[in-house]
Structures are given as structure tokens and as C-alpha cells.
């Protein structure tokens, strides 16, 4: 049960307990401030052609590491939950495919960002952008073939740009689509997943497997290279800013592909008693947030896409999104149809 202290913790912006260290993000310690390099009439960055593009090529940033400088994991080792070295408090991305459950610890994803895996016979891509707080899973099939993805070392609006090794196309994680290359305009199917504590995920899925620390790479998986980033109001790279909430406020976003979108900032959900029941895009949805675990629980029809991440990241990609604001306490128990929020002042 949420205590008044829990509600207060969530309702106010996260405090920065100490200054950001110079080595805040080890892979980004060599960040280039400028946008992608331009060679002659063709713009390229990290070996990728940027023209034509579905996004403004001048907003594609070189993050520091080269192509594959952050190594994706391919067909990684997994272990039964009982043999995992991660504690029940570890934060994971939980995914179920064809009846098989798997937990991907964020402590590993922070260092690798992408996992090309197969779960329940389904080729899946698990992705995590530490700068946006977005952990997302996809079916990595395009047409009749399964793609394999790598980390390009490029960013768009602070978000990870992935590339597939088959066509060398760049893909936006949050947009779930190819933004350059031969695959331009194609989308990946976004799979329903959620960020949770490992203990909670194990209770819900006793037969789950867990990504193993034995990745073939030497990394300090118990130490986050991002340290205080999630508490700071700083961004490492340019992105549109909507200043209604702290930029790293945990936010659940719902969207209809190529249609409406709706944001649920954690603070507003907590102000509503920790749970919201309403209709979005004509469909019943329920969004809950537990400030003690920092976890959302979302019930929504399968045709709606669900993305969890930071407030700034959701709004940077969905500037016209409506936003749930807690109603007056007298109306809190009444389900309602989502209404568009007024456009807030945004600046870069």
C-alpha cells in the first residue's frame, strides 16, 4: 500500500544527490557535440549514409562510440531464475513470447543496449536506451527474414539508433521504424513488455529464464555507467523539452500506430491514488504506478502500443500527445474519456 511519503517521493522531481561525475556515461565520455559529418553532397556518420532520411538528418548525433563500439548480444546465454545471480530487487525488462517468459536485467542492457534473441521460437530484439529510459522489445522479422541488429553509435533526439546488418538501414527505437537505408519506412512489430523487479516477475512467471552475466564480454554489470543521470535534469544530447515535469519523470505512453498518443506521468498516476482507469482512443485502459518499486502495471488492448521511459523522451517523439492529469479528488473514481491536453511551451 502506498504511504503518503511514497506519494510525495513520486510527485516531486527526483533530487540530484550529487553532481554528475565526468565519467557519468563511460561510452559517452568522448561525445561529439556536432551533428553528423557531411562529405561532399552526401551526409554520413559512423559509416552510415544519412540521405534520404525520414527524420532531419542534421539532428542525428554521433554519440561517441563507433559502429558496434557498444556490442550487441546475439543468442545470449540464459539461466533458470533460481540460478540467476541477480537479486529480486534487480530491475528487468520482462517479455513473454509464445508462452515462454524471459527477464533481461537492465544492469546488462545498460552496457549492450541490444539483444538479438529467440524466445518461444520467435525471433525477438530487446532494446534499451539508457539516455531515454526506454526498454522496448520487437519481433525482429521483416518480411520473410529475421534481421540482426547492432548499435550504430548514433542518436536522434537522445534516443538510440539501431542498424540491421542485412540492409545497413538505421532504425529509430522509439519510432520503431527504419529512418534511413533500403528499409526506409518499414516498421518493426512492438511486443508488449514491461519493466519490473525480478522478484515480482518471478512470482508472476515461475518458469522464467534470466539473461546470464556470462555474455562473453568483461563488464562491471553491478555498476551503472550512468550513475546519477536519471536524477539529473540534464540531457546529454539535444531534444525538445516539455517543462511541465522533470525530464526524467517515469512516464508510460500509449499510442495507436500512426494515430493518437497519450502520456501517463508517474506523478499524475500517484495523485490519482496510484491507478487510473479511463478510455483512450475508444478503448478501456488501466494504468497503475507503484512509487516504492518504480514500476508501472498497464492493462490495454493488444492493438495499442505501450512504451515506458522518461517524460522528455516520450514528448520529444510525441509532441501532440495528450497527457493524463489527475482529476479533482471528487472525480477520481469516475472513468473518463481521454481529452487532449493543452500544448505546453517547448524549447530546445
Protein backbone atom coordinates (compact mmCIF):
# COMPACT_ATOMS: atom_id res chain seq x y z
CA UNK A 1 0.00 0.00 0.00
CA UNK A 2 1.32 3.45 -0.88
CA UNK A 3 2.19 5.69 2.04
CA UNK A 4 1.96 9.49 2.00
CA UNK A 5 5.77 9.54 1.84
CA UNK A 6 5.68 7.32 -1.22
CA UNK A 7 3.25 9.63 -2.96
CA UNK A 8 5.41 12.64 -2.12
CA UNK A 9 8.55 10.95 -3.48
CA UNK A 10 6.88 10.41 -6.82
CA UNK A 11 5.05 13.72 -7.04
CA UNK A 12 8.19 15.82 -6.79
CA UNK A 13 11.05 15.82 -9.31
CA UNK A 14 13.85 13.38 -8.42
CA UNK A 15 16.57 15.12 -6.42
CA UNK A 16 20.15 15.21 -7.62
CA UNK A 17 22.05 13.89 -4.68
CA UNK A 18 25.48 14.79 -6.03
CA UNK A 19 26.88 16.42 -9.16
CA UNK A 20 27.16 14.41 -12.33
CA UNK A 21 30.59 12.85 -12.49
CA UNK A 22 32.78 13.41 -15.52
CA UNK A 23 32.64 9.69 -16.22
CA UNK A 24 28.84 9.63 -15.88
CA UNK A 25 28.41 7.67 -19.07
CA UNK A 26 31.53 5.77 -19.95
CA UNK A 27 30.54 5.11 -23.58
CA UNK A 28 29.66 8.81 -23.96
CA UNK A 29 32.82 10.25 -22.42
CA UNK A 30 34.07 11.01 -25.93
CA UNK A 31 30.82 12.58 -27.11
CA UNK A 32 30.95 14.73 -30.22
CA UNK A 33 28.93 17.90 -29.86
CA UNK A 34 28.28 18.41 -33.54
CA UNK A 35 25.78 16.60 -35.72
CA UNK A 36 26.63 14.01 -38.34
CA UNK A 37 29.57 14.64 -40.64
CA UNK A 38 28.95 15.79 -44.19
CA UNK A 39 31.16 14.56 -47.02
CA UNK A 40 30.62 16.35 -50.31
CA UNK A 41 26.93 16.19 -51.13
CA UNK A 42 26.38 13.05 -49.06
CA UNK A 43 25.96 13.15 -45.31
CA UNK A 44 27.44 10.17 -43.48
CA UNK A 45 28.11 9.29 -39.87
CA UNK A 46 29.81 6.22 -38.36
CA UNK A 47 29.84 4.74 -41.87
CA UNK A 48 26.09 5.13 -42.47
CA UNK A 49 24.56 7.14 -45.29
CA UNK A 50 22.01 9.59 -43.88
CA UNK A 51 20.23 10.59 -47.09
CA UNK A 52 17.39 10.12 -47.72
CA UNK A 53 16.00 10.05 -44.18
CA UNK A 54 12.59 10.05 -42.53
CA UNK A 55 13.96 12.36 -39.81
CA UNK A 56 16.00 15.57 -40.07
CA UNK A 57 19.50 14.28 -40.79
CA UNK A 58 21.02 17.33 -39.10
CA UNK A 59 19.51 16.11 -35.82
CA UNK A 60 21.33 12.78 -35.97
CA UNK A 61 24.17 12.96 -33.47
CA UNK A 62 27.37 10.98 -33.13
CA UNK A 63 27.27 9.62 -29.60
CA UNK A 64 30.98 8.91 -29.19
CA UNK A 65 31.48 5.18 -29.78
CA UNK A 66 31.84 3.95 -33.37
CA UNK A 67 29.56 1.42 -35.03
CA UNK A 68 29.47 -1.66 -32.76
CA UNK A 69 31.51 0.23 -30.16
CA UNK A 70 28.73 -0.83 -27.79
CA UNK A 71 28.46 -4.56 -28.55
CA UNK A 72 25.01 -6.02 -29.05
CA UNK A 73 24.41 -9.53 -27.71
CA UNK A 74 23.50 -12.34 -30.10
CA UNK A 75 21.77 -15.51 -28.87
CA UNK A 76 22.95 -14.92 -25.29
CA UNK A 77 23.20 -17.48 -22.51
CA UNK A 78 20.23 -17.65 -20.14
CA UNK A 79 19.70 -19.43 -16.83
CA UNK A 80 16.67 -20.54 -14.80
CA UNK A 81 15.59 -17.83 -12.37
CA UNK A 82 16.67 -19.95 -9.39
CA UNK A 83 20.24 -19.92 -10.70
CA UNK A 84 20.42 -16.25 -11.58
CA UNK A 85 22.98 -14.17 -9.70
CA UNK A 86 20.69 -11.15 -9.83
CA UNK A 87 18.70 -10.32 -6.71
CA UNK A 88 14.94 -9.96 -6.55
CA UNK A 89 15.43 -6.17 -6.45
CA UNK A 90 17.14 -6.06 -9.85
CA UNK A 91 15.19 -4.14 -12.48
CA UNK A 92 14.47 -6.17 -15.59
CA UNK A 93 12.61 -5.96 -18.86
CA UNK A 94 10.15 -8.84 -18.77
CA UNK A 95 8.94 -10.41 -22.02
CA UNK A 96 6.65 -13.33 -22.86
CA UNK A 97 6.54 -14.89 -26.33
CA UNK A 98 4.56 -17.99 -27.26
CA UNK A 99 4.21 -18.93 -23.61
CA UNK A 100 7.90 -18.57 -22.74
CA UNK A 101 8.98 -15.86 -20.28
CA UNK A 102 12.37 -14.21 -20.00
CA UNK A 103 13.83 -11.41 -17.89
CA UNK A 104 16.55 -9.12 -19.23
CA UNK A 105 18.33 -7.28 -16.38
CA UNK A 106 18.78 -3.58 -17.11
CA UNK A 107 22.21 -3.88 -15.49
CA UNK A 108 23.27 -5.87 -18.57
CA UNK A 109 21.24 -3.90 -21.08
CA UNK A 110 22.91 -0.66 -19.94
CA UNK A 111 26.21 -1.97 -21.31
CA UNK A 112 24.92 -3.63 -24.50
CA UNK A 113 21.66 -1.86 -25.39
CA UNK A 114 20.54 -4.57 -27.87
CA UNK A 115 19.92 -8.32 -27.60
CA UNK A 116 19.15 -10.43 -30.66
CA UNK A 117 17.37 -13.39 -29.13
CA UNK A 118 14.83 -16.13 -29.81
CA UNK A 119 12.05 -16.66 -27.28
CA UNK A 120 9.37 -19.29 -27.63
CA UNK A 121 10.57 -19.86 -31.20
CA UNK A 122 10.03 -16.17 -32.04
CA UNK A 123 12.97 -14.00 -33.20
CA UNK A 124 12.96 -11.00 -30.87
CA UNK A 125 15.00 -7.86 -30.40
CA UNK A 126 15.31 -6.45 -26.89
CA UNK A 127 16.49 -2.85 -26.76
CA UNK A 128 17.33 -0.36 -24.04
CA UNK A 129 18.29 3.29 -24.40
CA UNK A 130 19.72 4.45 -21.05
CA UNK A 131 19.52 8.10 -22.13
CA UNK A 132 15.75 7.87 -22.68
CA UNK A 133 14.95 5.16 -20.13
CA UNK A 134 13.14 3.25 -22.87
CA UNK A 135 13.24 -0.56 -22.72
CA UNK A 136 11.39 -1.98 -25.74
CA UNK A 137 11.04 -5.40 -27.35
CA UNK A 138 10.30 -6.12 -31.01
CA UNK A 139 9.69 -9.00 -33.36
CA UNK A 140 12.85 -8.70 -35.46
CA UNK A 141 11.36 -10.25 -38.56
CA UNK A 142 10.90 -8.11 -41.64
CA UNK A 143 9.08 -9.91 -44.42
CA UNK A 144 10.36 -13.47 -44.62
CA UNK A 145 13.67 -12.98 -42.82
CA UNK A 146 14.83 -12.29 -39.28
CA UNK A 147 17.11 -9.29 -39.03
CA UNK A 148 20.05 -8.93 -36.67
CA UNK A 149 20.67 -5.55 -35.13
CA UNK A 150 23.70 -3.65 -33.90
CA UNK A 151 24.35 -0.37 -32.09
CA UNK A 152 25.19 2.34 -34.62
CA UNK A 153 26.71 4.80 -32.15
CA UNK A 154 24.24 7.40 -33.43
CA UNK A 155 21.37 9.13 -31.66
CA UNK A 156 18.26 11.01 -32.67
CA UNK A 157 16.71 13.24 -30.01
CA UNK A 158 18.85 11.41 -27.42
CA UNK A 159 17.39 8.06 -28.48
CA UNK A 160 19.21 5.01 -29.75
CA UNK A 161 19.51 4.50 -33.49
CA UNK A 162 19.93 0.80 -34.27
CA UNK A 163 21.03 -0.69 -37.58
CA UNK A 164 20.26 -4.02 -39.19
CA UNK A 165 23.21 -5.95 -40.59
CA UNK A 166 21.26 -7.20 -43.60
CA UNK A 167 20.48 -3.82 -45.21
CA UNK A 168 22.61 -1.32 -43.21
CA UNK A 169 19.48 0.72 -42.51
CA UNK A 170 19.19 2.87 -39.39
CA UNK A 171 16.14 2.29 -37.17
CA UNK A 172 14.72 4.60 -34.51
CA UNK A 173 13.98 2.71 -31.31
CA UNK A 174 11.07 4.86 -30.10
CA UNK A 175 9.57 5.28 -33.58
CA UNK A 176 10.02 1.51 -34.17
CA UNK A 177 10.82 2.14 -37.81
CA UNK A 178 13.68 2.40 -40.28
CA UNK A 179 14.62 6.04 -40.85
CA UNK A 180 17.38 5.59 -43.47
CA UNK A 181 18.59 2.98 -45.92
CA UNK A 182 16.89 0.33 -48.06
CA UNK A 183 14.41 -0.46 -45.26
CA UNK A 184 13.32 3.21 -45.01
CA UNK A 185 9.71 3.44 -43.77
CA UNK A 186 9.37 -0.17 -42.61
CA UNK A 187 8.20 -0.77 -39.04
CA UNK A 188 9.01 -3.45 -36.51
CA UNK A 189 6.21 -5.03 -34.51
CA UNK A 190 6.43 -3.72 -30.97
CA UNK A 191 5.89 -6.52 -28.45
CA UNK A 192 4.23 -5.95 -25.09
CA UNK A 193 6.87 -6.00 -22.37
CA UNK A 194 7.31 -4.25 -19.05
CA UNK A 195 9.93 -3.02 -16.63
CA UNK A 196 9.66 -4.77 -13.26
CA UNK A 197 11.64 -6.04 -10.30
CA UNK A 198 12.99 -9.54 -10.87
CA UNK A 199 11.25 -10.87 -7.75
CA UNK A 200 7.87 -9.64 -8.93
CA UNK A 201 8.47 -11.02 -12.42
CA UNK A 202 9.46 -14.43 -10.98
CA UNK A 203 6.28 -14.61 -8.91
CA UNK A 204 4.18 -13.94 -11.99
CA UNK A 205 6.25 -16.27 -14.21
CA UNK A 206 7.80 -19.06 -12.07
CA UNK A 207 9.33 -20.74 -15.14
CA UNK A 208 11.03 -17.60 -16.42
CA UNK A 209 14.61 -17.67 -17.59
CA UNK A 210 17.00 -14.78 -16.95
CA UNK A 211 19.74 -13.36 -19.13
CA UNK A 212 23.08 -14.59 -17.78
CA UNK A 213 26.03 -12.44 -16.76
CA UNK A 214 28.11 -14.79 -18.91
CA UNK A 215 27.86 -12.61 -22.01
CA UNK A 216 31.34 -13.20 -23.39
CA UNK A 217 32.24 -9.59 -22.50
CA UNK A 218 34.05 -8.25 -19.45
CA UNK A 219 31.79 -5.59 -17.98
CA UNK A 220 31.01 -4.44 -14.42
CA UNK A 221 27.35 -5.39 -14.60
CA UNK A 222 26.77 -4.45 -10.98
CA UNK A 223 27.93 -0.87 -11.56
CA UNK A 224 25.86 1.51 -13.68
CA UNK A 225 27.89 3.63 -16.12
CA UNK A 226 25.05 6.17 -15.98
CA UNK A 227 25.05 6.73 -12.21
CA UNK A 228 23.18 9.99 -11.45
CA UNK A 229 21.85 10.66 -14.94
CA UNK A 230 18.28 9.59 -14.15
CA UNK A 231 18.08 12.07 -11.26
CA UNK A 232 19.66 14.98 -13.09
CA UNK A 233 17.63 17.42 -15.15
CA UNK A 234 20.44 17.50 -17.72
CA UNK A 235 20.28 15.84 -21.12
CA UNK A 236 23.42 14.58 -22.79
CA UNK A 237 22.17 15.44 -26.28
CA UNK A 238 19.68 17.94 -27.73
CA UNK A 239 16.00 17.04 -27.64
CA UNK A 240 12.80 19.09 -27.47
CA UNK A 241 11.93 19.91 -23.87
CA UNK A 242 8.45 19.99 -22.36
CA UNK A 243 8.90 21.57 -18.94
CA UNK A 244 5.67 20.52 -17.27
CA UNK A 245 7.52 17.74 -15.41
CA UNK A 246 11.07 16.77 -14.52
CA UNK A 247 12.64 15.48 -17.76
CA UNK A 248 13.35 12.06 -16.23
CA UNK A 249 9.88 11.61 -14.73
CA UNK A 250 8.87 7.96 -15.29
CA UNK A 251 6.15 8.01 -17.93
CA UNK A 252 4.00 5.36 -19.58
CA UNK A 253 2.93 6.15 -23.11
CA UNK A 254 0.11 4.57 -25.10
CA UNK A 255 -0.26 5.03 -28.82
CA UNK A 256 -2.24 3.86 -31.77
CA UNK A 257 0.28 3.21 -34.57
CA UNK A 258 0.12 6.25 -36.88
CA UNK A 259 -2.65 7.63 -34.66
CA UNK A 260 -3.40 9.06 -31.23
CA UNK A 261 -0.97 9.02 -28.30
CA UNK A 262 -1.41 9.52 -24.57
CA UNK A 263 1.14 10.05 -21.76
CA UNK A 264 0.73 8.99 -18.12
CA UNK A 265 3.37 10.74 -15.95
CA UNK A 266 4.03 8.77 -12.77
CA UNK A 267 3.32 11.79 -10.56
CA UNK A 268 -0.18 12.18 -12.01
CA UNK A 269 -0.97 8.49 -11.63
CA UNK A 270 0.12 8.64 -7.98
CA UNK A 271 -2.04 11.75 -7.41
CA UNK A 272 -4.96 9.64 -8.64
CA UNK A 273 -4.34 7.08 -5.92
CA UNK A 274 -1.83 5.02 -7.84
CA UNK A 275 -4.22 3.80 -10.51
CA UNK A 276 -6.05 5.30 -13.48
CA UNK A 277 -8.99 3.72 -15.30
CA UNK A 278 -10.28 5.53 -18.38
CA UNK A 279 -10.87 5.19 -22.09
CA UNK A 280 -8.20 6.11 -24.61
CA UNK A 281 -8.85 6.05 -28.36
CA UNK A 282 -12.20 4.44 -27.60
CA UNK A 283 -10.61 1.57 -25.65
CA UNK A 284 -10.63 0.81 -21.91
CA UNK A 285 -7.19 1.15 -20.31
CA UNK A 286 -5.86 0.87 -16.78
CA UNK A 287 -2.51 2.34 -15.73
CA UNK A 288 -1.02 1.83 -12.26
CA UNK A 289 2.28 3.00 -10.78
CA UNK A 290 3.97 1.89 -7.58
CA UNK A 291 6.45 4.55 -6.38
CA UNK A 292 8.09 2.10 -3.99
CA UNK A 293 9.19 -0.19 -6.82
CA UNK A 294 9.14 2.39 -9.60
CA UNK A 295 7.07 0.02 -11.74
CA UNK A 296 4.07 0.59 -13.97
CA UNK A 297 1.35 -2.02 -14.49
CA UNK A 298 -0.66 -1.43 -17.65
CA UNK A 299 -3.76 -3.14 -18.96
CA UNK A 300 -4.61 -2.17 -22.53
CA UNK A 301 -5.88 -3.91 -25.66
CA UNK A 302 -3.19 -5.53 -27.77
CA UNK A 303 -3.63 -3.13 -30.68
CA UNK A 304 -2.30 -0.29 -28.51
CA UNK A 305 1.48 0.12 -28.27
CA UNK A 306 2.93 0.66 -24.80
CA UNK A 307 6.23 2.42 -24.14
CA UNK A 308 7.81 3.15 -20.76
CA UNK A 309 10.53 5.78 -20.46
CA UNK A 310 11.39 9.28 -19.39
CA UNK A 311 8.94 12.16 -19.79
CA UNK A 312 11.21 14.16 -22.09
CA UNK A 313 11.72 11.18 -24.40
CA UNK A 314 8.02 10.48 -24.84
CA UNK A 315 7.20 14.12 -25.58
CA UNK A 316 10.21 14.56 -27.89
CA UNK A 317 8.72 11.91 -30.17
CA UNK A 318 5.03 12.61 -29.48
CA UNK A 319 4.74 16.42 -29.20
CA UNK A 320 1.00 16.33 -29.89
CA UNK A 321 0.35 13.65 -27.27
CA UNK A 322 -2.47 14.16 -24.83
CA UNK A 323 -1.39 13.94 -21.19
CA UNK A 324 -3.28 12.43 -18.28
CA UNK A 325 -3.68 14.93 -15.45
CA UNK A 326 -5.17 13.73 -12.17
CA UNK A 327 -8.76 14.95 -11.80
CA UNK A 328 -10.09 16.65 -8.74
CA UNK A 329 -10.34 14.11 -5.92
CA UNK A 330 -14.15 14.32 -6.14
CA UNK A 331 -13.97 12.90 -9.68
CA UNK A 332 -11.09 10.48 -9.15
CA UNK A 333 -13.19 7.31 -9.23
CA UNK A 334 -15.07 8.17 -12.41
CA UNK A 335 -13.67 6.59 -15.60
CA UNK A 336 -13.45 9.17 -18.36
CA UNK A 337 -12.55 9.56 -22.00
CA UNK A 338 -9.05 10.90 -22.58
CA UNK A 339 -9.02 14.56 -23.59
CA UNK A 340 -6.13 16.28 -25.38
CA UNK A 341 -4.01 18.41 -23.09
CA UNK A 342 -3.11 21.97 -23.90
CA UNK A 343 0.15 22.36 -25.75
CA UNK A 344 2.91 23.30 -23.29
CA UNK A 345 5.72 25.62 -24.08
CA UNK A 346 8.56 23.65 -25.68
CA UNK A 347 12.06 24.73 -26.44
CA UNK A 348 15.29 23.11 -27.45
